[in-house]
């Protein structure tokens, strides 16, 4: 974040691209360990996919399906983060609606 504005997101997929499965094993190399020293800005996704809080649930579902992301930052018009929405949040809301 810069001046409260969202600059990027580190997702589970971003981490999986960087982290070696050899860390903590006998096969671990110096290159494997060097990934642990990376800064967040080196692994984050900069092409932000966001929603404003006024968007509806169907907009969020469309983003989850179209972009295959696991969470969506919720921002205001100035890109100041207001929260984060996960696909699990959507499922919980659907479950509550059914009860």
Protein backbone atom coordinates (compact mmCIF):
# COMPACT_ATOMS: atom_id res chain seq x y z
CA UNK A 1 0.00 0.00 0.00
CA UNK A 2 1.08 3.53 -0.72
CA UNK A 3 -0.81 6.41 0.90
CA UNK A 4 -3.48 3.88 1.85
CA UNK A 5 -3.91 2.78 -1.77
CA UNK A 6 -3.65 -0.85 -2.76
CA UNK A 7 -0.66 -1.58 -5.01
CA UNK A 8 -0.88 -5.33 -5.33
CA UNK A 9 -1.94 -8.61 -3.77
CA UNK A 10 0.02 -11.69 -2.70
CA UNK A 11 -2.15 -14.72 -3.34
CA UNK A 12 -1.62 -18.35 -2.52
CA UNK A 13 -0.83 -18.89 -6.20
CA UNK A 14 1.84 -16.18 -6.09
CA UNK A 15 3.49 -17.93 -3.16
CA UNK A 16 3.32 -21.35 -4.80
CA UNK A 17 5.11 -19.96 -7.87
CA UNK A 18 7.97 -18.72 -5.70
CA UNK A 19 8.33 -21.29 -2.93
CA UNK A 20 10.23 -24.47 -3.62
CA UNK A 21 8.79 -27.79 -2.45
CA UNK A 22 12.35 -28.72 -1.44
CA UNK A 23 12.51 -26.26 1.48
CA UNK A 24 13.03 -28.14 4.72
CA UNK A 25 14.08 -31.36 2.99
CA UNK A 26 17.43 -32.98 2.25
CA UNK A 27 17.07 -31.80 -1.37
CA UNK A 28 17.01 -28.12 -0.30
CA UNK A 29 19.47 -25.86 -2.14
CA UNK A 30 20.71 -22.31 -1.61
CA UNK A 31 18.47 -21.23 -4.48
CA UNK A 32 15.48 -22.74 -2.68
CA UNK A 33 16.36 -20.82 0.48
CA UNK A 34 16.91 -17.56 -1.38
CA UNK A 35 13.21 -17.41 -2.23
CA UNK A 36 12.51 -16.92 1.48
CA UNK A 37 14.39 -13.60 1.36
CA UNK A 38 12.25 -12.10 -1.39
CA UNK A 39 10.31 -8.93 -0.63
CA UNK A 40 6.54 -8.81 -1.02
CA UNK A 41 6.77 -6.47 -4.01
CA UNK A 42 8.83 -9.12 -5.82
CA UNK A 43 6.08 -11.74 -5.70
CA UNK A 44 2.83 -9.75 -5.61
CA UNK A 45 0.37 -9.49 -8.45
CA UNK A 46 0.27 -5.88 -9.62
CA UNK A 47 -2.64 -6.20 -12.05
CA UNK A 48 -5.32 -5.56 -9.48
CA UNK A 49 -8.71 -7.16 -9.81
CA UNK A 50 -10.93 -5.30 -7.37
CA UNK A 51 -14.55 -4.51 -6.63
CA UNK A 52 -16.18 -1.54 -4.99
CA UNK A 53 -18.31 -2.24 -1.92
CA UNK A 54 -21.43 -1.24 -3.86
CA UNK A 55 -21.00 -4.15 -6.34
CA UNK A 56 -23.38 -7.06 -5.97
CA UNK A 57 -22.61 -10.69 -5.24
CA UNK A 58 -23.10 -11.70 -8.88
CA UNK A 59 -20.34 -9.26 -9.91
CA UNK A 60 -18.04 -10.99 -7.43
CA UNK A 61 -19.01 -14.46 -8.68
CA UNK A 62 -18.28 -13.37 -12.26
CA UNK A 63 -14.82 -12.16 -11.23
CA UNK A 64 -14.08 -15.39 -9.34
CA UNK A 65 -15.05 -17.43 -12.40
CA UNK A 66 -13.44 -15.24 -15.06
CA UNK A 67 -10.11 -14.58 -13.35
CA UNK A 68 -9.71 -17.73 -11.23
CA UNK A 69 -8.74 -15.74 -8.13
CA UNK A 70 -9.37 -16.86 -4.57
CA UNK A 71 -10.05 -13.42 -3.12
CA UNK A 72 -11.05 -9.96 -4.29
CA UNK A 73 -9.91 -6.75 -2.58
CA UNK A 74 -12.85 -4.43 -1.92
CA UNK A 75 -11.83 -0.81 -2.49
CA UNK A 76 -13.35 2.65 -2.62
CA UNK A 77 -13.15 4.94 -5.65
CA UNK A 78 -9.60 5.99 -4.64
CA UNK A 79 -8.40 2.35 -4.45
CA UNK A 80 -8.21 2.55 -0.65
CA UNK A 81 -8.83 -0.95 0.62
CA UNK A 82 -12.04 -1.47 2.56
CA UNK A 83 -11.86 -5.24 2.97
CA UNK A 84 -11.32 -8.50 1.18
CA UNK A 85 -13.89 -10.95 -0.18
CA UNK A 86 -13.15 -14.65 -0.59
CA UNK A 87 -15.15 -17.27 -2.43
CA UNK A 88 -15.75 -18.83 0.98
CA UNK A 89 -17.50 -15.62 2.06
CA UNK A 90 -19.85 -16.05 -0.90
CA UNK A 91 -20.55 -19.68 0.02
CA UNK A 92 -21.24 -18.75 3.66
CA UNK A 93 -23.68 -16.04 2.56
CA UNK A 94 -25.48 -18.50 0.28
CA UNK A 95 -25.72 -21.01 3.11
CA UNK A 96 -27.18 -18.37 5.46
CA UNK A 97 -29.75 -17.40 2.82
CA UNK A 98 -30.90 -21.01 2.58
CA UNK A 99 -31.62 -21.32 6.31
